[in-house]
Amino acid sequence: MANYDYKAGKKRLGEILDNDMEVVEQDKLPNDDDFTFTNGYYSWVSAIFVDMRDSTELCADEDKEKLAKVFRSFSSEIIEILRDDDNLREIGIRGDCVYAVYTSPLKTDIYECADKCFYVNTFMKMLNKLLKQHSLPEIKVGIGLSSAQELVVKAGRKGVGINSKIWIGKAVTRACHYANYGNKDGNPPIVFGSCSYNNMIDQLIKNDPDKNPKGWFTYHKDEGEGDYYTANIIKTGFDNWINSGMKID
């Protein structure tokens, strides 16, 4: 059994705590290459979390092949929806949750994140139809989006090949919490933090001038995680294709 070298650990902690840390404040978060172990960035980011509901009950099923098919089909296609964006800074899977974090210095960037949420919500209709056709259990998700200025630093240790970004602020943590609100306690699937909503709603109105996009959302007061808006918005063309039989030419 390997023993932790606590004396070496104390020395490494001293190097972190005693050295100067440069924090660069800028609207756009840079790519990974600009991060070092002695700097950090304070930038606008938006996070999307897609959290599966009632996965504990699903995992109680003893048919492992069935479970593998459900979880893989869910996670792989959610990743496909979320990953295609030059602003993407991190994407991953945490248990039954798929998440992505983007730099979002502009309102249009936040709208693009919102649009991805609409695609995910519509995709779930397609997935559940296909699961039903294959006699597999249908699933529900909560979709959370949050935007904020976030302090981002690189963690790990130089030379060991293991490092990751730490997101310090409200965007990532709140997106995770908002996803947990979706499709629960009577809420629809999509949950946007107030900052995300306020910065994307004008674009949504512009895109649908003959409709009432504000009416698609319900406002919720929340003293803990911050006020939020819920909705059940789908991509019309995608939805029509699903309803017409999902034919592939």
Protein backbone atom coordinates (compact mmCIF):
# COMPACT_ATOMS: atom_id res chain seq x y z
CA MET A 1 0.00 0.00 0.00
CA ALA A 2 1.42 3.37 -1.05
CA ASN A 3 1.87 5.95 1.68
CA TYR A 4 1.14 9.65 1.23
CA ASP A 5 4.34 11.70 1.57
CA TYR A 6 2.93 14.40 3.85
CA LYS A 7 6.25 16.19 4.18
CA ALA A 8 6.47 16.62 0.41
CA GLY A 9 2.81 17.64 0.51
CA LYS A 10 3.54 20.42 2.97
CA LYS A 11 6.28 21.69 0.68
CA ARG A 12 3.96 21.73 -2.33
CA LEU A 13 1.30 23.60 -0.34
CA GLY A 14 3.90 26.17 0.64
CA GLU A 15 4.75 26.73 -3.00
CA ILE A 16 1.10 27.39 -3.79
CA LEU A 17 0.36 29.59 -0.79
CA ASP A 18 3.60 31.61 -0.78
CA ASN A 19 3.89 32.32 -4.49
CA ASP A 20 2.15 35.18 -6.28
CA MET A 21 -0.97 34.29 -8.25
CA GLU A 22 -1.78 36.43 -11.28
CA VAL A 23 -5.54 36.79 -11.85
CA VAL A 24 -6.39 38.20 -15.27
CA GLU A 25 -9.83 39.80 -15.55
CA GLN A 26 -11.17 39.67 -19.09
CA ASP A 27 -14.53 39.01 -20.71
CA LYS A 28 -13.50 35.94 -22.71
CA LEU A 29 -11.98 32.90 -21.07
CA PRO A 30 -8.89 31.70 -22.98
CA ASN A 31 -8.11 28.19 -24.16
CA ASP A 32 -6.32 25.68 -21.96
CA ASP A 33 -2.87 26.59 -23.33
CA ASP A 34 -3.00 29.98 -21.58
CA PHE A 35 -3.59 28.45 -18.14
CA THR A 36 -0.61 27.82 -15.87
CA PHE A 37 -0.32 26.80 -12.23
CA THR A 38 0.48 30.41 -11.30
CA ASN A 39 -2.36 32.28 -12.98
CA GLY A 40 -6.13 32.43 -13.08
CA TYR A 41 -8.83 34.14 -15.12
CA TYR A 42 -11.95 35.98 -14.05
CA SER A 43 -14.30 35.82 -17.02
CA TRP A 44 -17.89 35.41 -18.14
CA VAL A 45 -18.92 31.77 -18.41
CA SER A 46 -22.14 29.84 -18.93
CA ALA A 47 -22.70 26.28 -17.78
CA ILE A 48 -25.24 23.70 -18.94
CA PHE A 49 -26.06 20.62 -16.86
CA VAL A 50 -28.35 17.84 -18.09
CA ASP A 51 -29.32 15.66 -15.15
CA MET A 52 -31.22 12.38 -15.48
CA ARG A 53 -34.23 11.98 -13.17
CA ASP A 54 -34.82 8.83 -11.09
CA SER A 55 -31.58 7.19 -12.22
CA THR A 56 -31.28 5.38 -8.87
CA GLU A 57 -34.45 3.44 -9.58
CA LEU A 58 -33.27 2.74 -13.12
CA CYS A 59 -29.93 1.40 -11.86
CA ALA A 60 -31.77 -1.06 -9.61
CA ASP A 61 -32.67 -3.02 -12.73
CA GLU A 62 -30.52 -6.13 -12.95
CA ASP A 63 -30.44 -6.15 -16.77
CA LYS A 64 -26.99 -4.58 -17.24
CA GLU A 65 -27.18 -4.63 -21.04
CA LYS A 66 -30.39 -2.62 -20.92
CA LEU A 67 -28.85 -0.11 -18.50
CA ALA A 68 -25.76 0.28 -20.67
CA LYS A 69 -27.85 1.02 -23.75
CA VAL A 70 -29.97 3.63 -21.97
CA PHE A 71 -27.08 5.48 -20.34
CA ARG A 72 -24.86 5.37 -23.42
CA SER A 73 -27.57 6.60 -25.81
CA PHE A 74 -28.43 9.41 -23.41
CA SER A 75 -24.93 10.62 -22.67
CA SER A 76 -23.32 10.21 -26.10
CA GLU A 77 -25.91 12.29 -27.96
CA ILE A 78 -26.15 14.98 -25.29
CA ILE A 79 -22.39 15.38 -25.66
CA GLU A 80 -22.83 15.71 -29.45
CA ILE A 81 -25.30 18.56 -28.94
CA LEU A 82 -23.15 20.39 -26.40
CA ARG A 83 -19.66 19.95 -27.83
CA ASP A 84 -19.93 21.71 -31.22
CA ASP A 85 -19.01 25.25 -30.14
CA ASP A 86 -15.80 27.27 -30.36
CA ASN A 87 -16.63 28.72 -26.94
CA LEU A 88 -16.59 25.32 -25.24
CA ARG A 89 -14.05 25.20 -22.42
CA GLU A 90 -14.96 21.94 -20.64
CA ILE A 91 -17.33 19.05 -21.18
CA GLY A 92 -17.80 15.88 -19.22
CA ILE A 93 -19.99 13.33 -17.47
CA ARG A 94 -20.65 13.14 -13.75
CA GLY A 95 -22.52 9.95 -13.04
CA ASP A 96 -25.96 10.42 -14.62
CA CYS A 97 -25.29 14.06 -15.55
CA VAL A 98 -23.70 15.53 -18.70
CA TYR A 99 -22.30 19.05 -18.38
CA ALA A 100 -20.52 21.65 -20.47
CA VAL A 101 -18.98 25.03 -19.66
CA TYR A 102 -18.54 27.83 -22.21
CA THR A 103 -16.92 31.22 -22.29
CA SER A 104 -19.79 33.64 -22.91
CA PRO A 105 -18.66 37.29 -23.07
CA LEU A 106 -21.53 38.31 -25.39
CA LYS A 107 -25.30 38.06 -25.12
CA THR A 108 -25.27 36.09 -28.35
CA ASP A 109 -23.02 33.52 -26.66
CA ILE A 110 -25.54 33.04 -23.86
CA TYR A 111 -28.33 32.73 -26.42
CA GLU A 112 -26.37 29.96 -28.16
CA CYS A 113 -26.20 28.12 -24.84
CA ALA A 114 -29.95 28.56 -24.41
CA ASP A 115 -30.52 27.20 -27.91
CA LYS A 116 -28.51 24.11 -27.01
CA CYS A 117 -30.88 23.57 -24.10
CA PHE A 118 -33.84 23.73 -26.50
CA TYR A 119 -32.14 21.11 -28.70
CA VAL A 120 -31.50 18.86 -25.70
CA ASN A 121 -35.14 19.15 -24.62
CA THR A 122 -36.34 18.20 -28.10
CA PHE A 123 -33.79 15.40 -28.38
CA MET A 124 -35.29 13.78 -25.30
CA LYS A 125 -38.54 13.30 -27.22
CA MET A 126 -36.64 11.47 -29.96
CA LEU A 127 -34.66 9.39 -27.48
CA ASN A 128 -37.73 8.31 -25.54
CA LYS A 129 -39.56 7.28 -28.71
CA LEU A 130 -36.60 5.15 -29.73
CA LEU A 131 -36.26 3.68 -26.23
CA LYS A 132 -39.94 2.75 -26.27
CA GLN A 133 -39.57 1.11 -29.69
CA HIS A 134 -36.78 -1.04 -28.26
CA SER A 135 -38.77 -1.92 -25.11
CA LEU A 136 -36.37 0.10 -22.96
CA PRO A 137 -37.37 2.42 -20.10
CA GLU A 138 -38.05 6.06 -20.98
CA ILE A 139 -36.20 8.74 -19.04
CA LYS A 140 -36.67 12.35 -17.97
CA VAL A 141 -34.03 15.03 -17.46
CA GLY A 142 -33.62 18.42 -15.90
CA ILE A 143 -31.72 20.98 -18.01
CA GLY A 144 -30.02 23.80 -16.11
CA LEU A 145 -28.31 26.90 -17.54
CA SER A 146 -26.51 29.53 -15.49
CA SER A 147 -24.25 32.46 -16.46
CA ALA A 148 -21.90 34.52 -14.31
CA GLN A 149 -18.41 35.91 -13.98
CA GLU A 150 -16.30 33.08 -12.68
CA LEU A 151 -12.77 32.72 -11.32
CA VAL A 152 -11.09 29.84 -13.13
CA VAL A 153 -7.78 28.29 -12.06
CA LYS A 154 -5.80 25.24 -13.05
CA ALA A 155 -5.38 22.57 -10.40
CA GLY A 156 -3.12 19.55 -10.19
CA ARG A 157 0.65 19.42 -10.33
CA LYS A 158 3.10 20.13 -13.09
CA GLY A 159 4.75 17.03 -14.49
CA VAL A 160 2.25 14.42 -13.32
CA GLY A 161 -0.12 14.76 -16.27
CA ILE A 162 -3.20 15.14 -14.08
CA ASN A 163 -4.77 18.57 -14.02
CA SER A 164 -8.13 20.20 -14.41
CA LYS A 165 -9.80 23.58 -14.18
CA ILE A 166 -11.60 24.65 -11.01
CA TRP A 167 -14.66 26.84 -11.54
CA ILE A 168 -15.04 29.22 -8.60
CA GLY A 169 -18.28 31.15 -8.67
CA LYS A 170 -22.00 30.80 -9.30
CA ALA A 171 -22.33 29.69 -12.92
CA VAL A 172 -21.30 26.05 -12.63
CA THR A 173 -22.73 25.34 -9.17
CA ARG A 174 -26.06 26.99 -9.95
CA ALA A 175 -26.43 25.26 -13.32
CA CYS A 176 -26.03 21.97 -11.46
CA HIS A 177 -28.70 22.95 -8.93
CA TYR A 178 -31.07 24.26 -11.60
CA ALA A 179 -30.80 20.98 -13.52
CA ASN A 180 -31.92 19.27 -10.32
CA TYR A 181 -35.07 21.46 -10.32
CA GLY A 182 -36.07 20.46 -13.86
CA ASN A 183 -38.79 17.83 -14.29
CA LYS A 184 -39.29 17.77 -10.54
CA ASP A 185 -42.02 19.08 -8.24
CA GLY A 186 -44.18 20.07 -11.18
CA ASN A 187 -41.46 22.02 -13.00
CA PRO A 188 -40.91 21.63 -16.76
CA PRO A 189 -37.49 20.37 -17.93
CA ILE A 190 -35.66 23.65 -18.67
CA VAL A 191 -34.44 25.89 -15.84
CA PHE A 192 -32.53 29.13 -16.59
CA GLY A 193 -30.89 31.35 -14.00
CA SER A 194 -32.03 34.98 -14.13
CA CYS A 195 -28.73 36.18 -15.62
CA SER A 196 -28.97 33.68 -18.48
CA TYR A 197 -32.62 34.52 -19.06
CA ASN A 198 -32.10 38.28 -19.03
CA ASN A 199 -29.23 38.06 -21.52
CA MET A 200 -30.92 35.74 -24.03
CA ILE A 201 -34.59 36.73 -24.01
CA ASP A 202 -34.23 39.69 -26.40
CA GLN A 203 -32.67 37.43 -29.03
CA LEU A 204 -35.44 34.88 -28.56
CA ILE A 205 -38.04 37.62 -29.03
CA LYS A 206 -36.21 38.83 -32.14
CA ASN A 207 -36.22 35.31 -33.57
CA ASP A 208 -39.95 34.84 -32.90
CA PRO A 209 -41.49 38.32 -33.33
CA ASP A 210 -44.98 36.96 -34.02
CA LYS A 211 -45.05 34.95 -30.81
CA ASN A 212 -44.70 35.71 -27.11
CA PRO A 213 -41.43 34.12 -25.92
CA LYS A 214 -41.68 35.75 -22.49
CA GLY A 215 -44.91 33.85 -22.02
CA TRP A 216 -43.07 30.58 -22.48
CA PHE A 217 -41.26 31.09 -19.17
CA THR A 218 -42.43 30.98 -15.55
CA TYR A 219 -40.56 33.10 -13.00
CA HIS A 220 -39.54 31.60 -9.65
CA LYS A 221 -38.23 33.46 -6.62
CA ASP A 222 -35.36 31.68 -4.90
CA GLU A 223 -33.37 33.19 -2.06
CA GLY A 224 -30.87 30.34 -2.06
CA GLU A 225 -29.62 29.64 -5.59
CA GLY A 226 -31.01 32.85 -7.10
CA ASP A 227 -34.18 33.59 -9.06
CA TYR A 228 -34.81 31.36 -12.04
CA TYR A 229 -37.15 30.73 -14.97
CA THR A 230 -38.64 27.43 -16.11
CA ALA A 231 -39.86 26.47 -19.58
CA ASN A 232 -40.56 23.57 -21.93
CA ILE A 233 -39.29 24.94 -25.25
CA ILE A 234 -38.60 22.72 -28.26
CA LYS A 235 -37.05 23.21 -31.71
CA THR A 236 -40.03 23.21 -34.07
CA GLY A 237 -38.37 21.70 -37.15
CA PHE A 238 -36.76 18.94 -35.10
CA ASP A 239 -40.03 18.25 -33.29
CA ASN A 240 -42.03 18.08 -36.54
CA TRP A 241 -39.55 15.54 -37.88
CA ILE A 242 -39.93 13.41 -34.75
CA ASN A 243 -43.72 13.55 -34.96
CA SER A 244 -43.70 12.66 -38.66
CA GLY A 245 -41.91 9.36 -38.09
CA MET A 246 -38.20 10.31 -37.95
CA LYS A 247 -37.56 9.18 -41.52
CA ILE A 248 -33.98 9.35 -42.79
CA ASP A 249 -33.61 9.93 -46.54
